[in-house]
Amino acid sequence: MNPYQESDEIDGSRDITRKPPKAYHNSDFIGSVAARHIRVQCELLEPYYRFRGEHVNHTIVFFESARIQPRDVIEQKLELARRTGTGAHTPDMSEEIEALEKELTVSRYYEDARRMAKQLTEWSDATFPKEEDRYYISSGGGPGIMEAANRGAKEAGGRSIGLGISLPFEASNNPYITPDLSFEFHYFFVRKYWFLYPAKAIVIFPGGFGTMDEFFEVVTLIQTQKIRKKMPIVLYGHDYWDGLINFEKFKDLGLISPEDLDLFKIIDDVDEAQEYIIRKIADYKINDQDSVK
């Protein structure tokens, strides 16, 4: 039996002559229910000391889909599908081509995220000589637009952060993250803490359930003043957001206050988004309380 399960039983078969491991070297204990709070503390403290050692104080967070691929990758797949399907008008091939054409349409978001991350990194590195004053791109560490964000930062010659999460369908963090700033979390809520605690701006690209969760959580925390600092939130892509959520209806039904719609801004252009983020960072820095309650 595992002696660290919640039980009053004593394992009388244990070899008491063997030197026992120290508690923090005992993998059975560290992985047990009894030590869950220790594992949570590790995921809170280890990133703190790593960020401090790497002089990371400010981040620009990209929330986004893991499924959107680079344009050139989709173009190659589409060309192959069309060539393979020539003369073979099967429903399956038609559906594959149609799906790839849709993917090609949304691949612009990958390219826009890549360019935005690159330009923001170039701005940060050129504006702030000291590493501790710079703004670093931070993503969820996975593929898709997360990869695009880290890739853009790397192409600018800068460092970037990947806050990965252990999932059965994602093998590892993307290769564009700065190695010393690559993390893998077990607990979603601790990972979210490290997204938001050093964040000074947030850009939310099209995504699925996870992206919606991240967006609504951050605006709720700001709305309720659990996050006291002010920071710009950009929802990127009118085509996506306008067709997805009727934000005005929240206000019309009295479910949010009119000023709550000012907590974020929908923008459809990389340069406009960058200008807005930089301007708001400068405005908010004066009264930045830089804390999460």
Protein backbone atom coordinates (compact mmCIF):
# COMPACT_ATOMS: atom_id res chain seq x y z
CA MET A 1 0.00 0.00 0.00
CA ASN A 2 0.98 3.63 -0.35
CA PRO A 3 1.55 4.87 3.23
CA TYR A 4 0.67 8.42 2.14
CA GLN A 5 -2.87 7.61 1.20
CA GLU A 6 -5.37 8.85 3.72
CA SER A 7 -5.58 5.75 5.91
CA ASP A 8 -4.94 4.68 9.49
CA GLU A 9 -3.41 1.37 8.41
CA ILE A 10 0.26 0.61 9.04
CA ASP A 11 2.28 -1.35 6.51
CA GLY A 12 3.98 -3.89 8.76
CA SER A 13 5.86 -5.45 5.86
CA ARG A 14 8.20 -2.48 5.34
CA ASP A 15 11.91 -3.19 5.71
CA ILE A 16 12.88 -1.05 8.69
CA THR A 17 16.57 -1.85 8.23
CA ARG A 18 16.70 0.09 4.96
CA LYS A 19 17.68 3.74 5.35
CA PRO A 20 14.52 5.77 4.74
CA PRO A 21 14.55 8.56 2.15
CA LYS A 22 14.27 12.17 3.17
CA ALA A 23 10.72 13.39 2.75
CA TYR A 24 11.56 15.71 -0.15
CA HIS A 25 13.30 12.83 -1.98
CA ASN A 26 10.38 10.47 -1.49
CA SER A 27 8.63 10.41 -4.86
CA ASP A 28 5.68 8.41 -3.48
CA PHE A 29 5.00 11.13 -0.94
CA ILE A 30 5.64 14.09 -3.27
CA GLY A 31 3.24 12.60 -5.81
CA SER A 32 0.54 11.82 -3.26
CA VAL A 33 -2.70 13.57 -2.39
CA ALA A 34 -1.17 14.53 0.97
CA ALA A 35 1.54 16.57 -0.77
CA ARG A 36 -0.63 18.31 -3.35
CA HIS A 37 -0.25 21.65 -1.57
CA ILE A 38 3.53 21.26 -1.81
CA ARG A 39 3.33 20.68 -5.56
CA VAL A 40 1.14 23.77 -5.92
CA GLN A 41 3.67 25.81 -3.94
CA CYS A 42 6.46 24.53 -6.18
CA GLU A 43 4.61 25.75 -9.26
CA LEU A 44 4.16 29.13 -7.59
CA LEU A 45 7.70 29.54 -6.27
CA GLU A 46 9.93 27.99 -8.93
CA PRO A 47 8.74 30.35 -11.70
CA TYR A 48 9.07 33.31 -9.32
CA TYR A 49 12.75 32.65 -8.70
CA ARG A 50 13.40 31.80 -12.33
CA PHE A 51 11.75 35.02 -13.52
CA ARG A 52 13.69 36.98 -10.94
CA GLY A 53 16.96 35.38 -12.04
CA GLU A 54 16.17 36.14 -15.69
CA HIS A 55 15.19 39.77 -14.90
CA VAL A 56 11.62 39.31 -16.14
CA ASN A 57 9.23 41.81 -14.57
CA HIS A 58 6.88 42.74 -17.42
CA THR A 59 5.13 40.59 -20.01
CA ILE A 60 2.80 41.03 -22.97
CA VAL A 61 0.61 37.95 -22.98
CA PHE A 62 -0.74 36.32 -26.13
CA PHE A 63 -3.81 34.11 -25.64
CA GLU A 64 -4.74 32.13 -28.73
CA SER A 65 -5.62 28.91 -30.51
CA ALA A 66 -3.29 25.92 -30.66
CA ARG A 67 -4.84 24.79 -33.95
CA ILE A 68 -4.12 27.62 -36.40
CA GLN A 69 -1.11 26.79 -38.57
CA PRO A 70 1.30 28.91 -40.65
CA ARG A 71 0.09 29.99 -44.06
CA ASP A 72 2.88 28.23 -45.98
CA VAL A 73 2.10 24.92 -44.25
CA ILE A 74 -1.59 25.12 -45.19
CA GLU A 75 -0.76 26.18 -48.75
CA GLN A 76 1.43 23.11 -49.17
CA LYS A 77 -1.28 20.80 -47.80
CA LEU A 78 -3.91 22.42 -50.01
CA GLU A 79 -1.76 22.13 -53.13
CA LEU A 80 -1.14 18.45 -52.40
CA ALA A 81 -4.83 17.78 -51.76
CA ARG A 82 -5.88 19.48 -54.97
CA ARG A 83 -3.23 17.63 -56.97
CA THR A 84 -4.12 14.30 -55.39
CA GLY A 85 -7.83 14.87 -55.87
CA THR A 86 -7.64 15.74 -59.57
CA GLY A 87 -10.14 13.53 -61.36
CA ALA A 88 -11.14 11.81 -58.12
CA HIS A 89 -14.24 13.72 -57.11
CA THR A 90 -14.86 11.86 -53.90
CA PRO A 91 -16.82 13.44 -51.02
CA ASP A 92 -13.92 12.83 -48.67
CA MET A 93 -11.45 14.70 -50.88
CA SER A 94 -13.89 17.58 -51.42
CA GLU A 95 -14.39 17.89 -47.67
CA GLU A 96 -10.63 17.85 -47.06
CA ILE A 97 -10.05 20.61 -49.61
CA GLU A 98 -12.90 22.67 -48.17
CA ALA A 99 -11.50 22.28 -44.64
CA LEU A 100 -8.02 23.33 -45.80
CA GLU A 101 -9.44 26.38 -47.57
CA LYS A 102 -11.02 27.44 -44.27
CA GLU A 103 -7.72 26.85 -42.49
CA LEU A 104 -5.97 29.00 -45.08
CA THR A 105 -8.39 31.85 -44.34
CA VAL A 106 -7.69 31.83 -40.60
CA SER A 107 -3.94 31.28 -41.08
CA ARG A 108 -3.63 35.06 -41.37
CA TYR A 109 -3.96 35.18 -37.60
CA TYR A 110 -0.79 33.08 -37.24
CA GLU A 111 1.11 35.49 -39.48
CA ASP A 112 -0.32 38.56 -37.74
CA ALA A 113 0.57 37.19 -34.28
CA ARG A 114 4.08 36.42 -35.47
CA ARG A 115 4.54 39.94 -36.87
CA MET A 116 3.02 41.63 -33.82
CA ALA A 117 5.26 39.70 -31.41
CA LYS A 118 8.28 40.51 -33.54
CA GLN A 119 7.51 44.23 -33.66
CA LEU A 120 6.69 44.47 -29.95
CA THR A 121 9.94 42.70 -29.10
CA GLU A 122 11.91 45.06 -31.35
CA TRP A 123 10.21 48.04 -29.71
CA SER A 124 10.89 46.74 -26.19
CA ASP A 125 14.54 45.87 -26.79
CA ALA A 126 15.21 49.21 -28.49
CA THR A 127 13.36 51.27 -25.88
CA PHE A 128 14.60 49.68 -22.67
CA PRO A 129 18.36 49.02 -22.42
CA LYS A 130 18.03 47.18 -19.11
CA GLU A 131 16.60 43.65 -19.22
CA GLU A 132 14.54 44.21 -16.07
CA ASP A 133 12.67 47.08 -17.76
CA ARG A 134 11.75 45.21 -20.94
CA TYR A 135 8.43 43.71 -21.94
CA TYR A 136 8.65 40.04 -22.90
CA ILE A 137 6.23 38.10 -25.06
CA SER A 138 4.52 35.34 -23.07
CA SER A 139 2.44 32.54 -24.59
CA GLY A 140 0.89 29.25 -23.57
CA GLY A 141 3.95 27.50 -24.95
CA GLY A 142 2.16 25.18 -27.37
CA PRO A 143 1.65 25.06 -31.13
CA GLY A 144 -0.55 27.25 -33.33
CA ILE A 145 -0.65 30.96 -32.60
CA MET A 146 1.22 30.34 -29.34
CA GLU A 147 4.11 29.18 -31.51
CA ALA A 148 3.67 32.25 -33.73
CA ALA A 149 4.09 34.59 -30.75
CA ASN A 150 7.30 32.94 -29.55
CA ARG A 151 8.55 32.65 -33.12
CA GLY A 152 8.08 36.35 -33.78
CA ALA A 153 9.96 37.27 -30.61
CA LYS A 154 12.83 34.98 -31.56
CA GLU A 155 12.98 36.40 -35.09
CA ALA A 156 13.42 39.83 -33.51
CA GLY A 157 16.42 38.50 -31.59
CA GLY A 158 14.60 38.72 -28.28
CA ARG A 159 13.67 36.38 -25.47
CA SER A 160 10.18 35.04 -24.86
CA ILE A 161 8.27 32.95 -22.35
CA GLY A 162 6.29 29.74 -22.79
CA LEU A 163 3.95 28.75 -19.97
CA GLY A 164 3.13 25.22 -21.09
CA ILE A 165 0.63 22.84 -19.57
CA SER A 166 0.87 19.05 -19.49
CA LEU A 167 -1.81 17.75 -21.84
CA PRO A 168 -2.14 14.30 -23.42
CA PHE A 169 -2.35 15.76 -26.96
CA GLU A 170 0.56 18.22 -26.76
CA ALA A 171 3.96 16.55 -26.64
CA SER A 172 6.11 19.50 -25.62
CA ASN A 173 6.55 23.24 -25.76
CA ASN A 174 7.27 24.84 -29.11
CA PRO A 175 10.94 25.26 -30.13
CA TYR A 176 10.90 29.08 -30.33
CA ILE A 177 10.70 29.70 -26.58
CA THR A 178 13.83 30.89 -24.79
CA PRO A 179 14.99 27.66 -23.04
CA ASP A 180 15.47 29.25 -19.62
CA LEU A 181 11.96 30.71 -19.84
CA SER A 182 10.19 27.51 -20.86
CA PHE A 183 7.82 26.08 -18.24
CA GLU A 184 5.46 23.15 -17.95
CA PHE A 185 2.65 23.37 -15.42
CA HIS A 186 0.36 20.71 -14.05
CA TYR A 187 -2.17 23.04 -12.43
CA PHE A 188 -4.15 25.30 -14.76
CA PHE A 189 -4.93 27.82 -12.03
CA VAL A 190 -1.25 28.31 -11.14
CA ARG A 191 -0.37 28.70 -14.79
CA LYS A 192 -3.05 31.40 -15.09
CA TYR A 193 -1.52 33.19 -12.12
CA TRP A 194 1.81 33.37 -13.94
CA PHE A 195 0.11 34.62 -17.07
CA LEU A 196 -1.47 37.53 -15.22
CA TYR A 197 0.87 38.49 -12.39
CA PRO A 198 3.65 40.02 -14.55
CA ALA A 199 1.31 40.97 -17.44
CA LYS A 200 1.20 44.59 -18.57
CA ALA A 201 -0.83 43.96 -21.73
CA ILE A 202 -2.87 41.11 -23.19
CA VAL A 203 -3.61 40.25 -26.82
CA ILE A 204 -6.30 37.66 -27.46
CA PHE A 205 -6.34 36.05 -30.88
CA PRO A 206 -9.06 33.70 -32.16
CA GLY A 207 -9.28 30.46 -30.22
CA GLY A 208 -11.58 27.89 -28.71
CA PHE A 209 -12.87 27.10 -25.23
CA GLY A 210 -9.52 27.73 -23.55
CA THR A 211 -9.17 31.15 -25.15
CA MET A 212 -12.71 32.11 -24.10
CA ASP A 213 -11.95 30.97 -20.56
CA GLU A 214 -8.82 33.11 -20.45
CA PHE A 215 -10.54 36.19 -21.87
CA PHE A 216 -13.58 36.11 -19.59
CA GLU A 217 -11.49 35.33 -16.53
CA VAL A 218 -9.14 38.26 -17.03
CA VAL A 219 -11.92 40.80 -17.72
CA THR A 220 -13.82 39.49 -14.69
CA LEU A 221 -10.75 39.91 -12.47
CA ILE A 222 -10.26 43.47 -13.71
CA GLN A 223 -13.98 44.28 -13.50
CA THR A 224 -14.12 43.07 -9.88
CA GLN A 225 -10.77 44.76 -9.09
CA LYS A 226 -9.13 41.53 -8.06
CA ILE A 227 -6.49 42.72 -10.50
CA ARG A 228 -5.90 46.31 -9.43
CA LYS A 229 -3.46 47.29 -12.16
CA LYS A 230 -4.74 48.67 -15.43
CA MET A 231 -3.61 47.07 -18.67
CA PRO A 232 -4.71 47.13 -22.29
CA ILE A 233 -6.62 44.11 -23.58
CA VAL A 234 -6.79 43.69 -27.36
CA LEU A 235 -9.22 41.29 -28.99
CA TYR A 236 -7.66 40.72 -32.38
CA GLY A 237 -9.80 40.25 -35.47
CA HIS A 238 -13.20 41.87 -36.07
CA ASP A 239 -14.27 39.02 -38.37
CA TYR A 240 -13.86 36.57 -35.52
CA TRP A 241 -15.06 38.50 -32.48
CA ASP A 242 -17.97 40.38 -34.10
CA GLY A 243 -19.41 37.13 -35.42
CA LEU A 244 -18.86 35.25 -32.18
CA ILE A 245 -20.10 37.39 -29.27
CA ASN A 246 -22.67 40.18 -29.10
CA PHE A 247 -20.99 42.24 -26.41
CA GLU A 248 -23.57 45.02 -26.66
CA LYS A 249 -26.28 42.59 -25.56
CA PHE A 250 -24.57 42.15 -22.19
CA LYS A 251 -24.93 45.90 -21.71
CA ASP A 252 -28.46 46.17 -23.17
CA LEU A 253 -29.74 43.50 -20.78
CA GLY A 254 -28.10 45.24 -17.83
CA LEU A 255 -25.78 42.29 -17.16
CA ILE A 256 -22.68 44.48 -17.28
CA SER A 257 -22.11 48.20 -16.85
CA PRO A 258 -21.61 50.33 -19.98
CA GLU A 259 -18.04 51.13 -18.91
CA ASP A 260 -17.19 47.42 -18.80
CA LEU A 261 -17.06 47.48 -22.60
CA ASP A 262 -14.07 49.82 -22.25
CA LEU A 263 -12.03 47.08 -20.59
CA PHE A 264 -11.04 45.75 -24.02
CA LYS A 265 -10.74 46.93 -27.61
CA ILE A 266 -11.31 44.96 -30.82
CA ILE A 267 -8.58 45.70 -33.39
CA ASP A 268 -8.01 44.25 -36.83
CA ASP A 269 -4.55 45.56 -37.73
CA VAL A 270 -1.11 44.68 -36.34
CA ASP A 271 0.27 48.23 -36.40
CA GLU A 272 -2.86 49.69 -34.81
CA ALA A 273 -2.77 47.05 -32.07
CA GLN A 274 0.91 47.70 -31.40
CA GLU A 275 0.40 51.47 -31.21
CA TYR A 276 -2.54 51.01 -28.83
CA ILE A 277 -0.60 48.65 -26.55
CA ILE A 278 2.47 50.88 -26.37
CA ARG A 279 0.40 54.00 -25.71
CA LYS A 280 -1.65 52.35 -22.98
CA ILE A 281 1.43 50.84 -21.32
CA ALA A 282 2.90 54.34 -21.10
CA ASP A 283 -0.37 55.78 -19.74
CA TYR A 284 -0.93 53.09 -17.14
CA LYS A 285 2.67 52.88 -15.95
CA ILE A 286 2.25 56.14 -14.04
CA ASN A 287 -0.30 54.63 -11.64
CA ASP A 288 0.63 50.96 -11.96
CA GLN A 289 -0.09 49.16 -8.67
CA ASP A 290 1.34 46.01 -10.20
CA SER A 291 -0.43 43.48 -8.06
CA VAL A 292 -3.01 40.73 -8.00
CA LYS A 293 -5.03 40.52 -4.79
